[in-house]
Amino acid sequence: MDEASIAQLLFALRVAREIATLEGPVFDIVVYRVEQAIEEIRDEALRQGIVVEIEYAPTRMQ
């Protein structure tokens, strides 16, 4: 994976996590799996020498 692909994938996963979080507790497993995927992508990027910043901003429930 190149740096652009990693950035795009991380963005898509963050959006997916946000949507799943807004859906409520029924989607907790989805949120968990998306967070695992984000960690895997981050680890792969680091193996390739690409430094990525993962800022975690929990969603505020309205």
PDB file of N, CA and C in Angstrom:
ATOM      1  N   MET A   1       0.841  -1.178   0.000  1.00  0.00           N
ATOM      2  CA  MET A   1       0.000   0.000   0.000  1.00  0.00           C
ATOM      3  C   MET A   1       0.884   1.238   0.000  1.00  0.00           C
ATOM      4  N   ASP A   2       0.476   2.226  -0.744  1.00  0.00           N
ATOM      5  CA  ASP A   2       1.214   3.481  -0.720  1.00  0.00           C
ATOM      6  C   ASP A   2       0.564   4.441   0.283  1.00  0.00           C
ATOM      7  N   GLU A   3       1.235   5.545   0.515  1.00  0.00           N
ATOM      8  CA  GLU A   3       0.782   6.494   1.532  1.00  0.00           C
ATOM      9  C   GLU A   3      -0.618   7.040   1.247  1.00  0.00           C
ATOM     10  N   ALA A   4      -0.906   7.318  -0.014  1.00  0.00           N
ATOM     11  CA  ALA A   4      -2.230   7.849  -0.372  1.00  0.00           C
ATOM     12  C   ALA A   4      -3.326   6.822  -0.099  1.00  0.00           C
ATOM     13  N   SER A   5      -3.064   5.567  -0.433  1.00  0.00           N
ATOM     14  CA  SER A   5      -4.059   4.509  -0.189  1.00  0.00           C
ATOM     15  C   SER A   5      -4.330   4.338   1.301  1.00  0.00           C
ATOM     16  N   ILE A   6      -3.273   4.389   2.082  1.00  0.00           N
ATOM     17  CA  ILE A   6      -3.432   4.254   3.534  1.00  0.00           C
ATOM     18  C   ILE A   6      -4.252   5.409   4.086  1.00  0.00           C
ATOM     19  N   ALA A   7      -3.958   6.615   3.640  1.00  0.00           N
ATOM     20  CA  ALA A   7      -4.712   7.789   4.116  1.00  0.00           C
ATOM     21  C   ALA A   7      -6.186   7.671   3.746  1.00  0.00           C
ATOM     22  N   GLN A   8      -6.473   7.238   2.528  1.00  0.00           N
ATOM     23  CA  GLN A   8      -7.862   7.098   2.092  1.00  0.00           C
ATOM     24  C   GLN A   8      -8.577   6.012   2.881  1.00  0.00           C
ATOM     25  N   LEU A   9      -7.901   4.903   3.119  1.00  0.00           N
ATOM     26  CA  LEU A   9      -8.507   3.812   3.875  1.00  0.00           C
ATOM     27  C   LEU A   9      -8.767   4.232   5.321  1.00  0.00           C
ATOM     28  N   LEU A  10      -7.819   4.915   5.920  1.00  0.00           N
ATOM     29  CA  LEU A  10      -8.031   5.390   7.287  1.00  0.00           C
ATOM     30  C   LEU A  10      -9.200   6.365   7.364  1.00  0.00           C
ATOM     31  N   PHE A  11      -9.310   7.238   6.391  1.00  0.00           N
ATOM     32  CA  PHE A  11     -10.435   8.171   6.371  1.00  0.00           C
ATOM     33  C   PHE A  11     -11.758   7.410   6.279  1.00  0.00           C
ATOM     34  N   ALA A  12     -11.830   6.446   5.372  1.00  0.00           N
ATOM     35  CA  ALA A  12     -13.059   5.665   5.197  1.00  0.00           C
ATOM     36  C   ALA A  12     -13.405   4.894   6.466  1.00  0.00           C
ATOM     37  N   LEU A  13     -12.401   4.336   7.119  1.00  0.00           N
ATOM     38  CA  LEU A  13     -12.654   3.592   8.355  1.00  0.00           C
ATOM     39  C   LEU A  13     -13.111   4.515   9.484  1.00  0.00           C
ATOM     40  N   ARG A  14     -12.550   5.703   9.532  1.00  0.00           N
ATOM     41  CA  ARG A  14     -12.997   6.665  10.557  1.00  0.00           C
ATOM     42  C   ARG A  14     -14.451   7.065  10.331  1.00  0.00           C
ATOM     43  N   VAL A  15     -14.822   7.259   9.080  1.00  0.00           N
ATOM     44  CA  VAL A  15     -16.211   7.591   8.764  1.00  0.00           C
ATOM     45  C   VAL A  15     -17.124   6.427   9.145  1.00  0.00           C
ATOM     46  N   ALA A  16     -16.714   5.208   8.820  1.00  0.00           N
ATOM     47  CA  ALA A  16     -17.504   4.027   9.176  1.00  0.00           C
ATOM     48  C   ALA A  16     -17.661   3.910  10.685  1.00  0.00           C
ATOM     49  N   ARG A  17     -16.580   4.169  11.415  1.00  0.00           N
ATOM     50  CA  ARG A  17     -16.651   4.118  12.880  1.00  0.00           C
ATOM     51  C   ARG A  17     -17.630   5.161  13.403  1.00  0.00           C
ATOM     52  N   GLU A  18     -17.571   6.353  12.843  1.00  0.00           N
ATOM     53  CA  GLU A  18     -18.470   7.431  13.270  1.00  0.00           C
ATOM     54  C   GLU A  18     -19.935   7.049  13.029  1.00  0.00           C
ATOM     55  N   ILE A  19     -20.226   6.530  11.857  1.00  0.00           N
ATOM     56  CA  ILE A  19     -21.599   6.135  11.527  1.00  0.00           C
ATOM     57  C   ILE A  19     -22.072   5.027  12.455  1.00  0.00           C
ATOM     58  N   ALA A  20     -21.227   4.029  12.665  1.00  0.00           N
ATOM     59  CA  ALA A  20     -21.608   2.910  13.538  1.00  0.00           C
ATOM     60  C   ALA A  20     -21.820   3.380  14.971  1.00  0.00           C
ATOM     61  N   THR A  21     -21.008   4.307  15.426  1.00  0.00           N
ATOM     62  CA  THR A  21     -21.154   4.841  16.784  1.00  0.00           C
ATOM     63  C   THR A  21     -22.494   5.555  16.944  1.00  0.00           C
ATOM     64  N   LEU A  22     -22.881   6.280  15.924  1.00  0.00           N
ATOM     65  CA  LEU A  22     -24.148   7.015  15.991  1.00  0.00           C
ATOM     66  C   LEU A  22     -25.363   6.090  15.990  1.00  0.00           C
ATOM     67  N   GLU A  23     -25.184   4.871  15.502  1.00  0.00           N
ATOM     68  CA  GLU A  23     -26.295   3.923  15.458  1.00  0.00           C
ATOM     69  C   GLU A  23     -26.645   3.351  16.827  1.00  0.00           C
ATOM     70  N   GLY A  24     -25.758   3.494  17.779  1.00  0.00           N
ATOM     71  CA  GLY A  24     -26.073   3.055  19.133  1.00  0.00           C
ATOM     72  C   GLY A  24     -25.434   1.737  19.502  1.00  0.00           C
ATOM     73  N   PRO A  25     -25.831   1.211  20.667  1.00  0.00           N
ATOM     74  CA  PRO A  25     -25.195   0.020  21.232  1.00  0.00           C
ATOM     75  C   PRO A  25     -25.323  -1.238  20.372  1.00  0.00           C
ATOM     76  N   VAL A  26     -26.317  -1.288  19.533  1.00  0.00           N
ATOM     77  CA  VAL A  26     -26.495  -2.467  18.673  1.00  0.00           C
ATOM     78  C   VAL A  26     -25.289  -2.641  17.747  1.00  0.00           C
ATOM     79  N   PHE A  27     -24.618  -1.552  17.440  1.00  0.00           N
ATOM     80  CA  PHE A  27     -23.488  -1.574  16.507  1.00  0.00           C
ATOM     81  C   PHE A  27     -22.137  -1.573  17.222  1.00  0.00           C
ATOM     82  N   ASP A  28     -22.112  -1.864  18.514  1.00  0.00           N
ATOM     83  CA  ASP A  28     -20.853  -1.873  19.258  1.00  0.00           C
ATOM     84  C   ASP A  28     -19.834  -2.828  18.654  1.00  0.00           C
ATOM     85  N   ILE A  29     -20.257  -3.990  18.201  1.00  0.00           N
ATOM     86  CA  ILE A  29     -19.325  -4.951  17.604  1.00  0.00           C
ATOM     87  C   ILE A  29     -18.751  -4.401  16.302  1.00  0.00           C
ATOM     88  N   VAL A  30     -19.554  -3.666  15.560  1.00  0.00           N
ATOM     89  CA  VAL A  30     -19.072  -3.045  14.324  1.00  0.00           C
ATOM     90  C   VAL A  30     -18.010  -1.998  14.652  1.00  0.00           C
ATOM     91  N   VAL A  31     -18.287  -1.179  15.655  1.00  0.00           N
ATOM     92  CA  VAL A  31     -17.318  -0.167  16.087  1.00  0.00           C
ATOM     93  C   VAL A  31     -16.011  -0.853  16.495  1.00  0.00           C
ATOM     94  N   TYR A  32     -16.121  -1.917  17.257  1.00  0.00           N
ATOM     95  CA  TYR A  32     -14.944  -2.660  17.708  1.00  0.00           C
ATOM     96  C   TYR A  32     -14.131  -3.187  16.524  1.00  0.00           C
ATOM     97  N   ARG A  33     -14.801  -3.789  15.554  1.00  0.00           N
ATOM     98  CA  ARG A  33     -14.107  -4.347  14.386  1.00  0.00           C
ATOM     99  C   ARG A  33     -13.470  -3.257  13.529  1.00  0.00           C
ATOM    100  N   VAL A  34     -14.145  -2.133  13.392  1.00  0.00           N
ATOM    101  CA  VAL A  34     -13.574  -1.022  12.617  1.00  0.00           C
ATOM    102  C   VAL A  34     -12.336  -0.490  13.328  1.00  0.00           C
ATOM    103  N   GLU A  35     -12.391  -0.392  14.647  1.00  0.00           N
ATOM    104  CA  GLU A  35     -11.219   0.060  15.394  1.00  0.00           C
ATOM    105  C   GLU A  35     -10.060  -0.921  15.246  1.00  0.00           C
ATOM    106  N   GLN A  36     -10.360  -2.219  15.203  1.00  0.00           N
ATOM    107  CA  GLN A  36      -9.314  -3.216  14.953  1.00  0.00           C
ATOM    108  C   GLN A  36      -8.701  -3.012  13.568  1.00  0.00           C
ATOM    109  N   ALA A  37      -9.534  -2.743  12.592  1.00  0.00           N
ATOM    110  CA  ALA A  37      -9.043  -2.515  11.224  1.00  0.00           C
ATOM    111  C   ALA A  37      -8.156  -1.272  11.169  1.00  0.00           C
ATOM    112  N   ILE A  38      -8.536  -0.232  11.884  1.00  0.00           N
ATOM    113  CA  ILE A  38      -7.722   0.980  11.928  1.00  0.00           C
ATOM    114  C   ILE A  38      -6.351   0.661  12.513  1.00  0.00           C
ATOM    115  N   GLU A  39      -6.316  -0.112  13.579  1.00  0.00           N
ATOM    116  CA  GLU A  39      -5.038  -0.495  14.186  1.00  0.00           C
ATOM    117  C   GLU A  39      -4.190  -1.318  13.216  1.00  0.00           C
ATOM    118  N   GLU A  40      -4.819  -2.235  12.494  1.00  0.00           N
ATOM    119  CA  GLU A  40      -4.086  -3.053  11.522  1.00  0.00           C
ATOM    120  C   GLU A  40      -3.479  -2.202  10.413  1.00  0.00           C
ATOM    121  N   ILE A  41      -4.248  -1.251   9.914  1.00  0.00           N
ATOM    122  CA  ILE A  41      -3.742  -0.359   8.865  1.00  0.00           C
ATOM    123  C   ILE A  41      -2.598   0.484   9.409  1.00  0.00           C
ATOM    124  N   ARG A  42      -2.744   0.984  10.623  1.00  0.00           N
ATOM    125  CA  ARG A  42      -1.674   1.765  11.242  1.00  0.00           C
ATOM    126  C   ARG A  42      -0.400   0.940  11.379  1.00  0.00           C
ATOM    127  N   ASP A  43      -0.549  -0.299  11.840  1.00  0.00           N
ATOM    128  CA  ASP A  43       0.611  -1.179  11.990  1.00  0.00           C
ATOM    129  C   ASP A  43       1.272  -1.477  10.649  1.00  0.00           C
ATOM    130  N   GLU A  44       0.470  -1.727   9.635  1.00  0.00           N
ATOM    131  CA  GLU A  44       1.010  -1.987   8.296  1.00  0.00           C
ATOM    132  C   GLU A  44       1.754  -0.770   7.763  1.00  0.00           C
ATOM    133  N   ALA A  45       1.200   0.405   7.992  1.00  0.00           N
ATOM    134  CA  ALA A  45       1.860   1.632   7.548  1.00  0.00           C
ATOM    135  C   ALA A  45       3.216   1.781   8.235  1.00  0.00           C
ATOM    136  N   LEU A  46       3.253   1.516   9.525  1.00  0.00           N
ATOM    137  CA  LEU A  46       4.516   1.631  10.254  1.00  0.00           C
ATOM    138  C   LEU A  46       5.539   0.613   9.760  1.00  0.00           C
ATOM    139  N   ARG A  47       5.092  -0.590   9.410  1.00  0.00           N
ATOM    140  CA  ARG A  47       6.002  -1.598   8.851  1.00  0.00           C
ATOM    141  C   ARG A  47       6.618  -1.115   7.546  1.00  0.00           C
ATOM    142  N   GLN A  48       5.866  -0.323   6.807  1.00  0.00           N
ATOM    143  CA  GLN A  48       6.348   0.203   5.535  1.00  0.00           C
ATOM    144  C   GLN A  48       7.073   1.532   5.694  1.00  0.00           C
ATOM    145  N   GLY A  49       7.214   1.997   6.921  1.00  0.00           N
ATOM    146  CA  GLY A  49       7.915   3.238   7.171  1.00  0.00           C
ATOM    147  C   GLY A  49       7.068   4.485   6.979  1.00  0.00           C
ATOM    148  N   ILE A  50       5.760   4.315   6.971  1.00  0.00           N
ATOM    149  CA  ILE A  50       4.840   5.443   6.815  1.00  0.00           C
ATOM    150  C   ILE A  50       4.279   5.772   8.193  1.00  0.00           C
ATOM    151  N   VAL A  51       4.498   6.989   8.630  1.00  0.00           N
ATOM    152  CA  VAL A  51       4.006   7.412   9.942  1.00  0.00           C
ATOM    153  C   VAL A  51       2.631   8.033   9.753  1.00  0.00           C
ATOM    154  N   VAL A  52       1.680   7.513  10.497  1.00  0.00           N
ATOM    155  CA  VAL A  52       0.318   8.049  10.434  1.00  0.00           C
ATOM    156  C   VAL A  52      -0.101   8.463  11.835  1.00  0.00           C
ATOM    157  N   GLU A  53      -0.830   9.530  11.907  1.00  0.00           N
ATOM    158  CA  GLU A  53      -1.371   9.996  13.174  1.00  0.00           C
ATOM    159  C   GLU A  53      -2.824   9.563  13.235  1.00  0.00           C
ATOM    160  N   ILE A  54      -3.164   8.857  14.281  1.00  0.00           N
ATOM    161  CA  ILE A  54      -4.546   8.436  14.481  1.00  0.00           C
ATOM    162  C   ILE A  54      -5.089   9.249  15.649  1.00  0.00           C
ATOM    163  N   GLU A  55      -5.917  10.203  15.334  1.00  0.00           N
ATOM    164  CA  GLU A  55      -6.526  10.966  16.413  1.00  0.00           C
ATOM    165  C   GLU A  55      -7.891  10.345  16.684  1.00  0.00           C
ATOM    166  N   TYR A  56      -8.085   9.995  17.928  1.00  0.00           N
ATOM    167  CA  TYR A  56      -9.347   9.383  18.302  1.00  0.00           C
ATOM    168  C   TYR A  56     -10.191  10.427  18.995  1.00  0.00           C
ATOM    169  N   ALA A  57     -11.290  10.760  18.385  1.00  0.00           N
ATOM    170  CA  ALA A  57     -12.231  11.712  18.975  1.00  0.00           C
ATOM    171  C   ALA A  57     -13.561  11.004  19.137  1.00  0.00           C
ATOM    172  N   PRO A  58     -13.872  10.569  20.336  1.00  0.00           N
ATOM    173  CA  PRO A  58     -15.142   9.869  20.546  1.00  0.00           C
ATOM    174  C   PRO A  58     -16.329  10.719  20.121  1.00  0.00           C
ATOM    175  N   THR A  59     -17.304  10.059  19.578  1.00  0.00           N
ATOM    176  CA  THR A  59     -18.511  10.749  19.129  1.00  0.00           C
ATOM    177  C   THR A  59     -19.352  11.164  20.316  1.00  0.00           C
ATOM    178  N   ARG A  60     -19.855  12.356  20.253  1.00  0.00           N
ATOM    179  CA  ARG A  60     -20.765  12.819  21.299  1.00  0.00           C
ATOM    180  C   ARG A  60     -22.180  12.407  20.935  1.00  0.00           C
ATOM    181  N   MET A  61     -22.838  11.735  21.852  1.00  0.00           N
ATOM    182  CA  MET A  61     -24.226  11.333  21.617  1.00  0.00           C
ATOM    183  C   MET A  61     -25.117  12.536  21.876  1.00  0.00           C
ATOM    184  N   GLN A  62     -26.098  12.713  21.020  1.00  0.00           N
ATOM    185  CA  GLN A  62     -27.005  13.849  21.148  1.00  0.00           C
ATOM    186  C   GLN A  62     -28.260  13.470  21.881  1.00  0.00           C
TER     187      GLN A  62
END
